[in-house]
Amino acid sequence: MKRENRVLKYQEFSEIIKSTPYVKSQHYVIHYRKNQQNKARIGISVSKKNGDAVTRNLIKRQIRAIIAHNFDLKKSLDLIIIVKASYDPTQFHAEETELVSSLANIGEPN
């Protein structure tokens, strides 16, 4: 994922999380809002409860790969994907299926 397709600033993360609708699943909480750009911006949050730094970085790489293959980055959306502690990086295909179905449940925000 390119830098222009990421939400990087803490202030933006907080604003999106506090004031937007969300979709929950077993391993993810996805906050979303419409943006004024013609591209999607995505932020990924992985807690220390998910494991050590190596494991957290593996999870982020897996999420980015899932998004790159299954999500249209031309949508005008800001997404924050919060990965729950129950996420298992060894079950990649099951996690991929769940994330793709969660992303499909995202409605167009008002």
PDB file of N, CA and C in Angstrom:
ATOM      1  N   MET A   1       0.843  -1.172   0.000  1.00  0.00           N
ATOM      2  CA  MET A   1       0.000   0.000   0.000  1.00  0.00           C
ATOM      3  C   MET A   1       0.892   1.241   0.000  1.00  0.00           C
ATOM      4  N   LYS A   2       0.585   2.186  -0.857  1.00  0.00           N
ATOM      5  CA  LYS A   2       1.364   3.410  -0.929  1.00  0.00           C
ATOM      6  C   LYS A   2       1.085   4.305   0.275  1.00  0.00           C
ATOM      7  N   ARG A   3       2.012   5.192   0.548  1.00  0.00           N
ATOM      8  CA  ARG A   3       1.888   6.111   1.677  1.00  0.00           C
ATOM      9  C   ARG A   3       0.637   6.983   1.552  1.00  0.00           C
ATOM     10  N   GLU A   4       0.282   7.368   0.334  1.00  0.00           N
ATOM     11  CA  GLU A   4      -0.903   8.209   0.124  1.00  0.00           C
ATOM     12  C   GLU A   4      -2.197   7.479   0.461  1.00  0.00           C
ATOM     13  N   ASN A   5      -2.139   6.164   0.567  1.00  0.00           N
ATOM     14  CA  ASN A   5      -3.320   5.370   0.899  1.00  0.00           C
ATOM     15  C   ASN A   5      -3.354   4.966   2.370  1.00  0.00           C
ATOM     16  N   ARG A   6      -2.603   5.669   3.208  1.00  0.00           N
ATOM     17  CA  ARG A   6      -2.579   5.340   4.629  1.00  0.00           C
ATOM     18  C   ARG A   6      -3.003   6.531   5.472  1.00  0.00           C
ATOM     19  N   VAL A   7      -3.679   6.234   6.559  1.00  0.00           N
ATOM     20  CA  VAL A   7      -3.950   7.239   7.587  1.00  0.00           C
ATOM     21  C   VAL A   7      -2.792   7.102   8.562  1.00  0.00           C
ATOM     22  N   LEU A   8      -2.004   8.155   8.704  1.00  0.00           N
ATOM     23  CA  LEU A   8      -0.785   8.054   9.494  1.00  0.00           C
ATOM     24  C   LEU A   8      -0.817   8.843  10.797  1.00  0.00           C
ATOM     25  N   LYS A   9      -1.537   9.941  10.832  1.00  0.00           N
ATOM     26  CA  LYS A   9      -1.490  10.821  11.993  1.00  0.00           C
ATOM     27  C   LYS A   9      -2.429  10.346  13.100  1.00  0.00           C
ATOM     28  N   TYR A  10      -1.940  10.423  14.324  1.00  0.00           N
ATOM     29  CA  TYR A  10      -2.719  10.007  15.487  1.00  0.00           C
ATOM     30  C   TYR A  10      -4.027  10.789  15.581  1.00  0.00           C
ATOM     31  N   GLN A  11      -3.979  12.074  15.284  1.00  0.00           N
ATOM     32  CA  GLN A  11      -5.166  12.927  15.371  1.00  0.00           C
ATOM     33  C   GLN A  11      -6.252  12.451  14.403  1.00  0.00           C
ATOM     34  N   GLU A  12      -5.865  12.069  13.194  1.00  0.00           N
ATOM     35  CA  GLU A  12      -6.840  11.547  12.223  1.00  0.00           C
ATOM     36  C   GLU A  12      -7.403  10.204  12.688  1.00  0.00           C
ATOM     37  N   PHE A  13      -6.533   9.333  13.205  1.00  0.00           N
ATOM     38  CA  PHE A  13      -6.988   8.052  13.744  1.00  0.00           C
ATOM     39  C   PHE A  13      -8.077   8.289  14.782  1.00  0.00           C
ATOM     40  N   SER A  14      -7.779   9.159  15.744  1.00  0.00           N
ATOM     41  CA  SER A  14      -8.715   9.425  16.840  1.00  0.00           C
ATOM     42  C   SER A  14     -10.024  10.002  16.330  1.00  0.00           C
ATOM     43  N   GLU A  15      -9.936  10.937  15.404  1.00  0.00           N
ATOM     44  CA  GLU A  15     -11.140  11.572  14.856  1.00  0.00           C
ATOM     45  C   GLU A  15     -12.028  10.558  14.151  1.00  0.00           C
ATOM     46  N   ILE A  16     -11.428   9.693  13.366  1.00  0.00           N
ATOM     47  CA  ILE A  16     -12.206   8.683  12.637  1.00  0.00           C
ATOM     48  C   ILE A  16     -12.837   7.691  13.612  1.00  0.00           C
ATOM     49  N   ILE A  17     -12.087   7.254  14.595  1.00  0.00           N
ATOM     50  CA  ILE A  17     -12.594   6.263  15.545  1.00  0.00           C
ATOM     51  C   ILE A  17     -13.721   6.821  16.402  1.00  0.00           C
ATOM     52  N   LYS A  18     -13.615   8.069  16.836  1.00  0.00           N
ATOM     53  CA  LYS A  18     -14.602   8.642  17.743  1.00  0.00           C
ATOM     54  C   LYS A  18     -15.916   9.020  17.074  1.00  0.00           C
ATOM     55  N   SER A  19     -15.884   9.363  15.805  1.00  0.00           N
ATOM     56  CA  SER A  19     -17.063   9.993  15.218  1.00  0.00           C
ATOM     57  C   SER A  19     -17.644   9.272  14.006  1.00  0.00           C
ATOM     58  N   THR A  20     -17.341   7.996  13.825  1.00  0.00           N
ATOM     59  CA  THR A  20     -17.819   7.333  12.619  1.00  0.00           C
ATOM     60  C   THR A  20     -18.531   6.025  12.933  1.00  0.00           C
ATOM     61  N   PRO A  21     -19.342   5.557  11.997  1.00  0.00           N
ATOM     62  CA  PRO A  21     -19.959   4.235  12.163  1.00  0.00           C
ATOM     63  C   PRO A  21     -18.894   3.147  12.008  1.00  0.00           C
ATOM     64  N   TYR A  22     -19.243   1.948  12.441  1.00  0.00           N
ATOM     65  CA  TYR A  22     -18.276   0.859  12.367  1.00  0.00           C
ATOM     66  C   TYR A  22     -18.969  -0.459  12.091  1.00  0.00           C
ATOM     67  N   VAL A  23     -18.151  -1.426  11.661  1.00  0.00           N
ATOM     68  CA  VAL A  23     -18.593  -2.790  11.416  1.00  0.00           C
ATOM     69  C   VAL A  23     -17.736  -3.682  12.299  1.00  0.00           C
ATOM     70  N   LYS A  24     -18.379  -4.583  13.038  1.00  0.00           N
ATOM     71  CA  LYS A  24     -17.648  -5.494  13.917  1.00  0.00           C
ATOM     72  C   LYS A  24     -17.730  -6.911  13.383  1.00  0.00           C
ATOM     73  N   SER A  25     -16.648  -7.650  13.597  1.00  0.00           N
ATOM     74  CA  SER A  25     -16.654  -9.081  13.335  1.00  0.00           C
ATOM     75  C   SER A  25     -15.873  -9.756  14.453  1.00  0.00           C
ATOM     76  N   GLN A  26     -15.616 -11.024  14.329  1.00  0.00           N
ATOM     77  CA  GLN A  26     -14.954 -11.759  15.399  1.00  0.00           C
ATOM     78  C   GLN A  26     -13.542 -11.231  15.664  1.00  0.00           C
ATOM     79  N   HIS A  27     -12.818 -10.858  14.620  1.00  0.00           N
ATOM     80  CA  HIS A  27     -11.428 -10.452  14.776  1.00  0.00           C
ATOM     81  C   HIS A  27     -11.141  -9.000  14.398  1.00  0.00           C
ATOM     82  N   TYR A  28     -12.136  -8.258  13.941  1.00  0.00           N
ATOM     83  CA  TYR A  28     -11.909  -6.896  13.459  1.00  0.00           C
ATOM     84  C   TYR A  28     -13.007  -5.938  13.920  1.00  0.00           C
ATOM     85  N   VAL A  29     -12.625  -4.673  14.050  1.00  0.00           N
ATOM     86  CA  VAL A  29     -13.570  -3.570  14.147  1.00  0.00           C
ATOM     87  C   VAL A  29     -13.115  -2.590  13.071  1.00  0.00           C
ATOM     88  N   ILE A  30     -14.005  -2.241  12.156  1.00  0.00           N
ATOM     89  CA  ILE A  30     -13.638  -1.356  11.052  1.00  0.00           C
ATOM     90  C   ILE A  30     -14.478  -0.083  11.135  1.00  0.00           C
ATOM     91  N   HIS A  31     -13.813   1.032  11.391  1.00  0.00           N
ATOM     92  CA  HIS A  31     -14.452   2.349  11.390  1.00  0.00           C
ATOM     93  C   HIS A  31     -14.271   2.933   9.997  1.00  0.00           C
ATOM     94  N   TYR A  32     -15.298   3.627   9.499  1.00  0.00           N
ATOM     95  CA  TYR A  32     -15.208   4.162   8.147  1.00  0.00           C
ATOM     96  C   TYR A  32     -15.917   5.501   8.034  1.00  0.00           C
ATOM     97  N   ARG A  33     -15.449   6.301   7.088  1.00  0.00           N
ATOM     98  CA  ARG A  33     -16.114   7.557   6.747  1.00  0.00           C
ATOM     99  C   ARG A  33     -15.755   7.916   5.313  1.00  0.00           C
ATOM    100  N   LYS A  34     -16.605   8.716   4.720  1.00  0.00           N
ATOM    101  CA  LYS A  34     -16.371   9.187   3.363  1.00  0.00           C
ATOM    102  C   LYS A  34     -15.345  10.312   3.418  1.00  0.00           C
ATOM    103  N   ASN A  35     -14.457  10.357   2.435  1.00  0.00           N
ATOM    104  CA  ASN A  35     -13.494  11.458   2.365  1.00  0.00           C
ATOM    105  C   ASN A  35     -13.678  12.232   1.065  1.00  0.00           C
ATOM    106  N   GLN A  36     -12.985  13.347   0.940  1.00  0.00           N
ATOM    107  CA  GLN A  36     -13.129  14.216  -0.234  1.00  0.00           C
ATOM    108  C   GLN A  36     -12.129  13.877  -1.336  1.00  0.00           C
ATOM    109  N   GLN A  37     -11.261  12.934  -1.081  1.00  0.00           N
ATOM    110  CA  GLN A  37     -10.265  12.534  -2.066  1.00  0.00           C
ATOM    111  C   GLN A  37     -10.837  11.402  -2.899  1.00  0.00           C
ATOM    112  N   ASN A  38     -10.234  11.146  -4.026  1.00  0.00           N
ATOM    113  CA  ASN A  38     -10.687  10.043  -4.869  1.00  0.00           C
ATOM    114  C   ASN A  38      -9.835   8.803  -4.639  1.00  0.00           C
ATOM    115  N   LYS A  39      -9.524   8.549  -3.383  1.00  0.00           N
ATOM    116  CA  LYS A  39      -8.746   7.373  -3.028  1.00  0.00           C
ATOM    117  C   LYS A  39      -9.079   6.965  -1.604  1.00  0.00           C
ATOM    118  N   ALA A  40      -8.916   5.692  -1.357  1.00  0.00           N
ATOM    119  CA  ALA A  40      -9.133   5.178  -0.007  1.00  0.00           C
ATOM    120  C   ALA A  40      -7.875   5.413   0.812  1.00  0.00           C
ATOM    121  N   ARG A  41      -8.086   5.702   2.095  1.00  0.00           N
ATOM    122  CA  ARG A  41      -6.973   5.800   3.039  1.00  0.00           C
ATOM    123  C   ARG A  41      -7.264   4.826   4.165  1.00  0.00           C
ATOM    124  N   ILE A  42      -6.270   4.043   4.531  1.00  0.00           N
ATOM    125  CA  ILE A  42      -6.487   2.966   5.478  1.00  0.00           C
ATOM    126  C   ILE A  42      -5.461   3.047   6.600  1.00  0.00           C
ATOM    127  N   GLY A  43      -5.944   2.898   7.825  1.00  0.00           N
ATOM    128  CA  GLY A  43      -5.074   2.812   8.990  1.00  0.00           C
ATOM    129  C   GLY A  43      -5.293   1.470   9.654  1.00  0.00           C
ATOM    130  N   ILE A  44      -4.221   0.880  10.148  1.00  0.00           N
ATOM    131  CA  ILE A  44      -4.305  -0.428  10.788  1.00  0.00           C
ATOM    132  C   ILE A  44      -3.789  -0.285  12.212  1.00  0.00           C
ATOM    133  N   SER A  45      -4.586  -0.750  13.174  1.00  0.00           N
ATOM    134  CA  SER A  45      -4.205  -0.689  14.573  1.00  0.00           C
ATOM    135  C   SER A  45      -4.124  -2.100  15.130  1.00  0.00           C
ATOM    136  N   VAL A  46      -2.936  -2.461  15.630  1.00  0.00           N
ATOM    137  CA  VAL A  46      -2.719  -3.777  16.220  1.00  0.00           C
ATOM    138  C   VAL A  46      -2.181  -3.565  17.630  1.00  0.00           C
ATOM    139  N   SER A  47      -2.883  -4.060  18.611  1.00  0.00           N
ATOM    140  CA  SER A  47      -2.551  -3.865  20.017  1.00  0.00           C
ATOM    141  C   SER A  47      -1.393  -4.761  20.456  1.00  0.00           C
ATOM    142  N   LYS A  48      -0.761  -4.391  21.555  1.00  0.00           N
ATOM    143  CA  LYS A  48       0.284  -5.228  22.140  1.00  0.00           C
ATOM    144  C   LYS A  48      -0.277  -6.550  22.652  1.00  0.00           C
ATOM    145  N   LYS A  49      -1.586  -6.611  22.815  1.00  0.00           N
ATOM    146  CA  LYS A  49      -2.229  -7.861  23.235  1.00  0.00           C
ATOM    147  C   LYS A  49      -2.111  -8.933  22.145  1.00  0.00           C
ATOM    148  N   ASN A  50      -1.839  -8.509  20.913  1.00  0.00           N
ATOM    149  CA  ASN A  50      -1.707  -9.448  19.805  1.00  0.00           C
ATOM    150  C   ASN A  50      -0.360 -10.166  19.809  1.00  0.00           C
ATOM    151  N   GLY A  51       0.609  -9.671  20.554  1.00  0.00           N
ATOM    152  CA  GLY A  51       1.909 -10.340  20.610  1.00  0.00           C
ATOM    153  C   GLY A  51       3.052  -9.348  20.579  1.00  0.00           C
ATOM    154  N   ASP A  52       4.235  -9.871  20.357  1.00  0.00           N
ATOM    155  CA  ASP A  52       5.417  -9.023  20.322  1.00  0.00           C
ATOM    156  C   ASP A  52       5.473  -8.245  19.009  1.00  0.00           C
ATOM    157  N   ALA A  53       6.498  -7.410  18.861  1.00  0.00           N
ATOM    158  CA  ALA A  53       6.598  -6.529  17.697  1.00  0.00           C
ATOM    159  C   ALA A  53       6.650  -7.301  16.386  1.00  0.00           C
ATOM    160  N   VAL A  54       7.337  -8.426  16.384  1.00  0.00           N
ATOM    161  CA  VAL A  54       7.438  -9.238  15.172  1.00  0.00           C
ATOM    162  C   VAL A  54       6.058  -9.735  14.749  1.00  0.00           C
ATOM    163  N   THR A  55       5.282 -10.206  15.692  1.00  0.00           N
ATOM    164  CA  THR A  55       3.936 -10.708  15.401  1.00  0.00           C
ATOM    165  C   THR A  55       3.017  -9.586  14.933  1.00  0.00           C
ATOM    166  N   ARG A  56       3.095  -8.432  15.609  1.00  0.00           N
ATOM    167  CA  ARG A  56       2.249  -7.296  15.208  1.00  0.00           C
ATOM    168  C   ARG A  56       2.574  -6.834  13.797  1.00  0.00           C
ATOM    169  N   ASN A  57       3.849  -6.790  13.438  1.00  0.00           N
ATOM    170  CA  ASN A  57       4.235  -6.398  12.080  1.00  0.00           C
ATOM    171  C   ASN A  57       3.792  -7.433  11.056  1.00  0.00           C
ATOM    172  N   LEU A  58       3.847  -8.715  11.408  1.00  0.00           N
ATOM    173  CA  LEU A  58       3.347  -9.766  10.524  1.00  0.00           C
ATOM    174  C   LEU A  58       1.858  -9.569  10.262  1.00  0.00           C
ATOM    175  N   ILE A  59       1.106  -9.271  11.313  1.00  0.00           N
ATOM    176  CA  ILE A  59      -0.337  -9.051  11.173  1.00  0.00           C
ATOM    177  C   ILE A  59      -0.605  -7.865  10.260  1.00  0.00           C
ATOM    178  N   LYS A  60       0.124  -6.766  10.442  1.00  0.00           N
ATOM    179  CA  LYS A  60      -0.069  -5.590   9.585  1.00  0.00           C
ATOM    180  C   LYS A  60       0.250  -5.905   8.130  1.00  0.00           C
ATOM    181  N   ARG A  61       1.310  -6.661   7.898  1.00  0.00           N
ATOM    182  CA  ARG A  61       1.649  -7.047   6.514  1.00  0.00           C
ATOM    183  C   ARG A  61       0.548  -7.909   5.918  1.00  0.00           C
ATOM    184  N   GLN A  62      -0.007  -8.825   6.705  1.00  0.00           N
ATOM    185  CA  GLN A  62      -1.095  -9.670   6.217  1.00  0.00           C
ATOM    186  C   GLN A  62      -2.320  -8.826   5.864  1.00  0.00           C
ATOM    187  N   ILE A  63      -2.671  -7.875   6.722  1.00  0.00           N
ATOM    188  CA  ILE A  63      -3.839  -7.018   6.470  1.00  0.00           C
ATOM    189  C   ILE A  63      -3.616  -6.210   5.187  1.00  0.00           C
ATOM    190  N   ARG A  64      -2.415  -5.633   5.033  1.00  0.00           N
ATOM    191  CA  ARG A  64      -2.119  -4.857   3.817  1.00  0.00           C
ATOM    192  C   ARG A  64      -2.217  -5.722   2.566  1.00  0.00           C
ATOM    193  N   ALA A  65      -1.760  -6.967   2.643  1.00  0.00           N
ATOM    194  CA  ALA A  65      -1.842  -7.877   1.495  1.00  0.00           C
ATOM    195  C   ALA A  65      -3.291  -8.197   1.159  1.00  0.00           C
ATOM    196  N   ILE A  66      -4.103  -8.427   2.173  1.00  0.00           N
ATOM    197  CA  ILE A  66      -5.527  -8.703   1.951  1.00  0.00           C
ATOM    198  C   ILE A  66      -6.186  -7.513   1.267  1.00  0.00           C
ATOM    199  N   ILE A  67      -5.900  -6.317   1.751  1.00  0.00           N
ATOM    200  CA  ILE A  67      -6.493  -5.107   1.177  1.00  0.00           C
ATOM    201  C   ILE A  67      -6.028  -4.901  -0.259  1.00  0.00           C
ATOM    202  N   ALA A  68      -4.753  -5.119  -0.513  1.00  0.00           N
ATOM    203  CA  ALA A  68      -4.210  -4.927  -1.864  1.00  0.00           C
ATOM    204  C   ALA A  68      -4.879  -5.846  -2.881  1.00  0.00           C
ATOM    205  N   HIS A  69      -5.238  -7.050  -2.465  1.00  0.00           N
ATOM    206  CA  HIS A  69      -5.828  -8.012  -3.396  1.00  0.00           C
ATOM    207  C   HIS A  69      -7.349  -7.966  -3.462  1.00  0.00           C
ATOM    208  N   ASN A  70      -8.002  -7.431  -2.418  1.00  0.00           N
ATOM    209  CA  ASN A  70      -9.456  -7.573  -2.339  1.00  0.00           C
ATOM    210  C   ASN A  70     -10.236  -6.291  -2.129  1.00  0.00           C
ATOM    211  N   PHE A  71      -9.598  -5.134  -2.146  1.00  0.00           N
ATOM    212  CA  PHE A  71     -10.302  -3.889  -1.870  1.00  0.00           C
ATOM    213  C   PHE A  71      -9.938  -2.862  -2.926  1.00  0.00           C
ATOM    214  N   ASP A  72     -10.947  -2.131  -3.397  1.00  0.00           N
ATOM    215  CA  ASP A  72     -10.745  -1.100  -4.411  1.00  0.00           C
ATOM    216  C   ASP A  72     -10.252   0.180  -3.741  1.00  0.00           C
ATOM    217  N   LEU A  73      -8.995   0.525  -3.965  1.00  0.00           N
ATOM    218  CA  LEU A  73      -8.407   1.704  -3.342  1.00  0.00           C
ATOM    219  C   LEU A  73      -8.836   3.006  -4.014  1.00  0.00           C
ATOM    220  N   LYS A  74      -9.725   2.927  -4.996  1.00  0.00           N
ATOM    221  CA  LYS A  74     -10.235   4.135  -5.646  1.00  0.00           C
ATOM    222  C   LYS A  74     -11.508   4.651  -4.983  1.00  0.00           C
ATOM    223  N   LYS A  75     -12.024   3.917  -3.996  1.00  0.00           N
ATOM    224  CA  LYS A  75     -13.196   4.378  -3.257  1.00  0.00           C
ATOM    225  C   LYS A  75     -12.797   5.563  -2.387  1.00  0.00           C
ATOM    226  N   SER A  76     -13.713   6.492  -2.206  1.00  0.00           N
ATOM    227  CA  SER A  76     -13.451   7.671  -1.377  1.00  0.00           C
ATOM    228  C   SER A  76     -13.816   7.391   0.072  1.00  0.00           C
ATOM    229  N   LEU A  77     -13.023   6.559   0.724  1.00  0.00           N
ATOM    230  CA  LEU A  77     -13.280   6.169   2.102  1.00  0.00           C
ATOM    231  C   LEU A  77     -12.010   6.258   2.934  1.00  0.00           C
ATOM    232  N   ASP A  78     -12.189   6.614   4.203  1.00  0.00           N
ATOM    233  CA  ASP A  78     -11.142   6.467   5.196  1.00  0.00           C
ATOM    234  C   ASP A  78     -11.543   5.275   6.053  1.00  0.00           C
ATOM    235  N   LEU A  79     -10.636   4.333   6.256  1.00  0.00           N
ATOM    236  CA  LEU A  79     -10.910   3.145   7.062  1.00  0.00           C
ATOM    237  C   LEU A  79      -9.869   3.025   8.166  1.00  0.00           C
ATOM    238  N   ILE A  80     -10.320   2.662   9.337  1.00  0.00           N
ATOM    239  CA  ILE A  80      -9.424   2.278  10.415  1.00  0.00           C
ATOM    240  C   ILE A  80      -9.780   0.837  10.767  1.00  0.00           C
ATOM    241  N   ILE A  81      -8.832  -0.067  10.589  1.00  0.00           N
ATOM    242  CA  ILE A  81      -9.046  -1.474  10.896  1.00  0.00           C
ATOM    243  C   ILE A  81      -8.346  -1.772  12.220  1.00  0.00           C
ATOM    244  N   ILE A  82      -9.134  -2.094  13.227  1.00  0.00           N
ATOM    245  CA  ILE A  82      -8.595  -2.452  14.535  1.00  0.00           C
ATOM    246  C   ILE A  82      -8.631  -3.973  14.631  1.00  0.00           C
ATOM    247  N   VAL A  83      -7.469  -4.558  14.844  1.00  0.00           N
ATOM    248  CA  VAL A  83      -7.348  -6.009  14.907  1.00  0.00           C
ATOM    249  C   VAL A  83      -7.461  -6.432  16.370  1.00  0.00           C
ATOM    250  N   LYS A  84      -8.404  -7.317  16.652  1.00  0.00           N
ATOM    251  CA  LYS A  84      -8.614  -7.788  18.022  1.00  0.00           C
ATOM    252  C   LYS A  84      -7.543  -8.807  18.411  1.00  0.00           C
ATOM    253  N   ALA A  85      -7.407  -9.018  19.702  1.00  0.00           N
ATOM    254  CA  ALA A  85      -6.390  -9.927  20.236  1.00  0.00           C
ATOM    255  C   ALA A  85      -6.629 -11.377  19.819  1.00  0.00           C
ATOM    256  N   SER A  86      -7.833 -11.705  19.413  1.00  0.00           N
ATOM    257  CA  SER A  86      -8.150 -13.084  19.021  1.00  0.00           C
ATOM    258  C   SER A  86      -7.674 -13.428  17.612  1.00  0.00           C
ATOM    259  N   TYR A  87      -7.120 -12.458  16.877  1.00  0.00           N
ATOM    260  CA  TYR A  87      -6.607 -12.694  15.524  1.00  0.00           C
ATOM    261  C   TYR A  87      -5.464 -13.705  15.589  1.00  0.00           C
ATOM    262  N   ASP A  88      -5.492 -14.693  14.684  1.00  0.00           N
ATOM    263  CA  ASP A  88      -4.444 -15.717  14.627  1.00  0.00           C
ATOM    264  C   ASP A  88      -3.727 -15.626  13.285  1.00  0.00           C
ATOM    265  N   PRO A  89      -2.481 -15.132  13.263  1.00  0.00           N
ATOM    266  CA  PRO A  89      -1.773 -14.963  11.992  1.00  0.00           C
ATOM    267  C   PRO A  89      -1.481 -16.272  11.269  1.00  0.00           C
ATOM    268  N   THR A  90      -1.557 -17.408  11.954  1.00  0.00           N
ATOM    269  CA  THR A  90      -1.314 -18.684  11.280  1.00  0.00           C
ATOM    270  C   THR A  90      -2.532 -19.144  10.482  1.00  0.00           C
ATOM    271  N   GLN A  91      -3.680 -18.553  10.703  1.00  0.00           N
ATOM    272  CA  GLN A  91      -4.917 -18.902   9.999  1.00  0.00           C
ATOM    273  C   GLN A  91      -5.225 -17.836   8.936  1.00  0.00           C
ATOM    274  N   PHE A  92      -4.278 -17.557   8.071  1.00  0.00           N
ATOM    275  CA  PHE A  92      -4.378 -16.439   7.143  1.00  0.00           C
ATOM    276  C   PHE A  92      -5.623 -16.503   6.262  1.00  0.00           C
ATOM    277  N   HIS A  93      -5.923 -17.642   5.668  1.00  0.00           N
ATOM    278  CA  HIS A  93      -7.048 -17.717   4.730  1.00  0.00           C
ATOM    279  C   HIS A  93      -8.395 -17.499   5.419  1.00  0.00           C
ATOM    280  N   ALA A  94      -8.548 -17.992   6.623  1.00  0.00           N
ATOM    281  CA  ALA A  94      -9.787 -17.759   7.367  1.00  0.00           C
ATOM    282  C   ALA A  94      -9.910 -16.284   7.739  1.00  0.00           C
ATOM    283  N   GLU A  95      -8.796 -15.683   8.157  1.00  0.00           N
ATOM    284  CA  GLU A  95      -8.797 -14.261   8.513  1.00  0.00           C
ATOM    285  C   GLU A  95      -9.071 -13.404   7.287  1.00  0.00           C
ATOM    286  N   GLU A  96      -8.520 -13.803   6.143  1.00  0.00           N
ATOM    287  CA  GLU A  96      -8.753 -13.077   4.889  1.00  0.00           C
ATOM    288  C   GLU A  96     -10.230 -13.097   4.516  1.00  0.00           C
ATOM    289  N   THR A  97     -10.851 -14.250   4.590  1.00  0.00           N
ATOM    290  CA  THR A  97     -12.274 -14.378   4.267  1.00  0.00           C
ATOM    291  C   THR A  97     -13.118 -13.490   5.171  1.00  0.00           C
ATOM    292  N   GLU A  98     -12.793 -13.475   6.456  1.00  0.00           N
ATOM    293  CA  GLU A  98     -13.556 -12.664   7.403  1.00  0.00           C
ATOM    294  C   GLU A  98     -13.392 -11.173   7.117  1.00  0.00           C
ATOM    295  N   LEU A  99     -12.166 -10.726   6.831  1.00  0.00           N
ATOM    296  CA  LEU A  99     -11.932  -9.310   6.557  1.00  0.00           C
ATOM    297  C   LEU A  99     -12.615  -8.879   5.265  1.00  0.00           C
ATOM    298  N   VAL A 100     -12.555  -9.701   4.240  1.00  0.00           N
ATOM    299  CA  VAL A 100     -13.205  -9.368   2.962  1.00  0.00           C
ATOM    300  C   VAL A 100     -14.710  -9.247   3.143  1.00  0.00           C
ATOM    301  N   SER A 101     -15.318 -10.153   3.917  1.00  0.00           N
ATOM    302  CA  SER A 101     -16.767 -10.066   4.135  1.00  0.00           C
ATOM    303  C   SER A 101     -17.115  -8.847   4.991  1.00  0.00           C
ATOM    304  N   SER A 102     -16.253  -8.488   5.947  1.00  0.00           N
ATOM    305  CA  SER A 102     -16.487  -7.303   6.749  1.00  0.00           C
ATOM    306  C   SER A 102     -16.397  -6.039   5.896  1.00  0.00           C
ATOM    307  N   LEU A 103     -15.422  -5.991   5.006  1.00  0.00           N
ATOM    308  CA  LEU A 103     -15.283  -4.832   4.114  1.00  0.00           C
ATOM    309  C   LEU A 103     -16.479  -4.721   3.164  1.00  0.00           C
ATOM    310  N   ALA A 104     -17.045  -5.862   2.776  1.00  0.00           N
ATOM    311  CA  ALA A 104     -18.218  -5.845   1.897  1.00  0.00           C
ATOM    312  C   ALA A 104     -19.448  -5.319   2.630  1.00  0.00           C
ATOM    313  N   ASN A 105     -19.474  -5.424   3.961  1.00  0.00           N
ATOM    314  CA  ASN A 105     -20.615  -4.954   4.751  1.00  0.00           C
ATOM    315  C   ASN A 105     -20.579  -3.457   5.006  1.00  0.00           C
ATOM    316  N   ILE A 106     -19.520  -2.806   4.601  1.00  0.00           N
ATOM    317  CA  ILE A 106     -19.417  -1.368   4.832  1.00  0.00           C
ATOM    318  C   ILE A 106     -20.375  -0.662   3.883  1.00  0.00           C
ATOM    319  N   GLY A 107     -21.293   0.096   4.484  1.00  0.00           N
ATOM    320  CA  GLY A 107     -22.219   0.886   3.684  1.00  0.00           C
ATOM    321  C   GLY A 107     -21.612   2.217   3.357  1.00  0.00           C
ATOM    322  N   GLU A 108     -22.159   2.878   2.396  1.00  0.00           N
ATOM    323  CA  GLU A 108     -21.695   4.217   2.060  1.00  0.00           C
ATOM    324  C   GLU A 108     -22.151   5.167   3.168  1.00  0.00           C
ATOM    325  N   PRO A 109     -21.213   5.805   3.862  1.00  0.00           N
ATOM    326  CA  PRO A 109     -21.602   6.719   4.927  1.00  0.00           C
ATOM    327  C   PRO A 109     -22.309   7.944   4.382  1.00  0.00           C
ATOM    328  N   ASN A 110     -23.135   8.525   5.208  1.00  0.00           N
ATOM    329  CA  ASN A 110     -23.895   9.711   4.788  1.00  0.00           C
ATOM    330  C   ASN A 110     -23.050  10.947   4.840  1.00  0.00           C
TER     331      ASN A 110
END
